[in-house]
Amino acid sequence: MPVVSYASVSDSPPLVAVACNPESYTCKLIIKSRAFSLSLLGREHTSKLGTMATIHGGDVTDKLTSAGLAHARGTKLRVPVITGARATLECSLRSKHAMGDHVLVVGLVRVAHADGAFTDFWDFHRYRPILYTGWKEGMTSYEGPYE
């Protein structure tokens, strides 16, 4: 799934967490399949993420394609991985925790991929992340500058 924020919660073992709406089709699929991917996209995909937020996964055959995002199967797990993502984490579901009106899903990172904008750190001259700032008549994000 495309993601604008996640948290690293452990280095050993490598665990990441992301909050999702328990009523969302994506969250239900994660829990059922016990696996998920996190794809970090550049801000050129901001409008596609906004489109995804308005599509119910149960109403379409392929939510990612419906939003204009090409994808393939992961290299390690049977999860969709967005083509052209700047980085992708393929995770098996480790645990889930109710947190207010969301569920915190914790994944064990099974494989990670990143493009040339990441070596030991992100080169923000090459990678412009989507920094979600809220929803006001559509998805809003910080447009920079990144110094």
Protein backbone atom coordinates (compact mmCIF):
# COMPACT_ATOMS: atom_id res chain seq x y z
CA MET A 1 0.00 0.00 0.00
CA PRO A 2 1.23 3.51 -0.59
CA VAL A 3 2.08 5.17 2.68
CA VAL A 4 2.85 8.72 3.74
CA SER A 5 3.85 7.90 7.29
CA TYR A 6 5.00 4.86 9.19
CA ALA A 7 7.21 4.25 12.20
CA SER A 8 10.21 2.05 12.71
CA VAL A 9 9.56 0.35 16.04
CA SER A 10 12.50 -2.07 16.26
CA ASP A 11 15.84 -2.64 14.55
CA SER A 12 16.24 -6.22 15.75
CA PRO A 13 13.99 -7.73 14.59
CA PRO A 14 13.16 -5.09 11.95
CA LEU A 15 9.61 -3.98 12.77
CA VAL A 16 7.55 -1.13 11.34
CA ALA A 17 4.09 0.12 12.26
CA VAL A 18 1.37 1.92 10.37
CA ALA A 19 -2.09 3.04 11.50
CA CYS A 20 -5.10 2.14 9.38
CA ASN A 21 -8.86 2.45 9.62
CA PRO A 22 -10.20 -0.95 10.71
CA GLU A 23 -13.23 -0.48 8.44
CA SER A 24 -11.08 0.05 5.34
CA TYR A 25 -10.88 -2.68 2.76
CA THR A 26 -7.07 -2.47 2.81
CA CYS A 27 -6.88 -2.98 6.58
CA LYS A 28 -9.19 -5.99 6.35
CA LEU A 29 -6.99 -7.48 3.59
CA ILE A 30 -3.85 -6.96 5.67
CA ILE A 31 -5.34 -8.78 8.63
CA LYS A 32 -6.76 -11.59 6.45
CA SER A 33 -3.59 -12.15 4.41
CA ARG A 34 -1.22 -11.47 7.34
CA ALA A 35 1.10 -9.57 4.98
CA PHE A 36 1.41 -6.10 3.45
CA SER A 37 3.79 -3.78 1.67
CA LEU A 38 4.59 -0.15 2.34
CA SER A 39 5.54 1.85 -0.73
CA LEU A 40 7.06 5.31 -0.41
CA LEU A 41 6.18 7.47 -3.39
CA GLY A 42 7.48 10.80 -4.56
CA ARG A 43 5.18 13.80 -4.43
CA GLU A 44 4.49 13.52 -8.16
CA HIS A 45 2.01 10.83 -7.04
CA THR A 46 0.13 13.01 -4.52
CA SER A 47 -3.01 13.27 -6.66
CA LYS A 48 -3.08 9.49 -7.13
CA LEU A 49 -3.03 9.00 -3.37
CA GLY A 50 -5.88 11.47 -3.06
CA THR A 51 -7.79 9.44 -5.64
CA MET A 52 -7.10 6.23 -3.71
CA ALA A 53 -8.64 7.77 -0.60
CA THR A 54 -11.94 8.20 -2.45
CA ILE A 55 -12.12 4.64 -3.83
CA HIS A 56 -13.54 1.81 -1.74
CA GLY A 57 -11.48 -1.32 -2.41
CA GLY A 58 -14.57 -3.53 -2.39
CA ASP A 59 -16.08 -1.55 -5.27
CA VAL A 60 -13.26 -2.16 -7.77
CA THR A 61 -11.23 -5.11 -8.97
CA ASP A 62 -7.91 -3.34 -8.41
CA LYS A 63 -7.78 -0.19 -6.31
CA LEU A 64 -4.17 0.65 -7.17
CA THR A 65 -4.77 0.44 -10.92
CA SER A 66 -8.00 2.42 -10.54
CA ALA A 67 -5.97 5.22 -8.95
CA GLY A 68 -3.36 5.11 -11.75
CA LEU A 69 -0.67 3.21 -9.84
CA ALA A 70 0.96 0.27 -11.63
CA HIS A 71 2.08 -2.59 -9.44
CA ALA A 72 3.58 -6.06 -9.41
CA ARG A 73 3.84 -8.88 -6.90
CA GLY A 74 6.49 -8.52 -4.21
CA THR A 75 9.81 -10.31 -4.49
CA LYS A 76 9.46 -12.11 -1.15
CA LEU A 77 5.76 -12.01 -0.24
CA ARG A 78 2.50 -12.22 -2.17
CA VAL A 79 1.76 -8.52 -1.73
CA PRO A 80 1.29 -5.75 -4.29
CA VAL A 81 4.33 -3.51 -4.70
CA ILE A 82 3.90 -0.20 -6.51
CA THR A 83 6.03 0.11 -9.61
CA GLY A 84 8.27 3.17 -9.45
CA ALA A 85 8.09 3.53 -5.67
CA ARG A 86 11.17 5.18 -4.21
CA ALA A 87 11.26 2.49 -1.53
CA THR A 88 9.21 -0.55 -0.60
CA LEU A 89 9.04 -2.68 2.52
CA GLU A 90 7.46 -6.14 2.26
CA CYS A 91 6.17 -7.16 5.69
CA SER A 92 4.51 -10.10 7.35
CA LEU A 93 1.94 -9.08 9.95
CA ARG A 94 3.46 -9.43 13.41
CA SER A 95 0.64 -7.95 15.49
CA LYS A 96 -2.28 -5.54 15.50
CA HIS A 97 -3.42 -3.19 18.22
CA ALA A 98 -6.62 -1.17 18.58
CA MET A 99 -5.66 2.49 19.01
CA GLY A 100 -8.69 4.75 19.29
CA ASP A 101 -10.51 4.71 15.96
CA HIS A 102 -7.58 3.07 14.11
CA VAL A 103 -5.62 -0.17 14.21
CA LEU A 104 -1.85 -0.08 14.52
CA VAL A 105 -0.49 -2.90 12.37
CA VAL A 106 3.05 -3.99 13.11
CA GLY A 107 4.97 -5.76 10.39
CA LEU A 108 8.17 -7.76 10.35
CA VAL A 109 10.19 -6.44 7.40
CA ARG A 110 11.00 -9.41 5.21
CA VAL A 111 12.66 -7.49 2.37
CA ALA A 112 13.34 -3.82 1.60
CA HIS A 113 14.08 -2.08 -1.69
CA ALA A 114 15.11 1.52 -2.33
CA ASP A 115 16.20 3.43 -5.40
CA GLY A 116 19.29 5.59 -5.86
CA ALA A 117 17.85 8.48 -3.84
CA PHE A 118 18.62 6.45 -0.72
CA THR A 119 22.08 5.35 0.33
CA ASP A 120 22.65 5.84 4.06
CA PHE A 121 20.06 8.65 4.11
CA TRP A 122 17.46 10.20 1.82
CA ASP A 123 18.78 12.67 -0.73
CA PHE A 124 15.94 15.19 -0.69
CA HIS A 125 17.27 16.82 -3.84
CA ARG A 126 16.34 13.56 -5.65
CA TYR A 127 13.43 12.31 -3.53
CA ARG A 128 10.54 14.62 -2.72
CA PRO A 129 8.39 12.73 -0.18
CA ILE A 130 4.67 13.18 0.20
CA LEU A 131 4.23 14.77 3.60
CA TYR A 132 0.55 14.43 4.44
CA THR A 133 -0.89 17.44 6.23
CA GLY A 134 -4.58 16.59 6.26
CA TRP A 135 -7.75 16.43 4.23
CA LYS A 136 -9.50 19.64 3.20
CA GLU A 137 -11.59 19.21 0.07
CA GLY A 138 -8.99 16.62 -0.95
CA MET A 139 -5.61 15.47 0.20
CA THR A 140 -3.19 18.21 1.18
CA SER A 141 0.56 17.84 1.54
CA TYR A 142 3.60 19.96 2.22
CA GLU A 143 5.15 21.03 -1.06
CA GLY A 144 8.56 22.09 0.20
CA PRO A 145 11.08 23.48 0.01
CA TYR A 146 13.28 20.68 1.22
CA GLU A 147 16.57 22.19 2.29
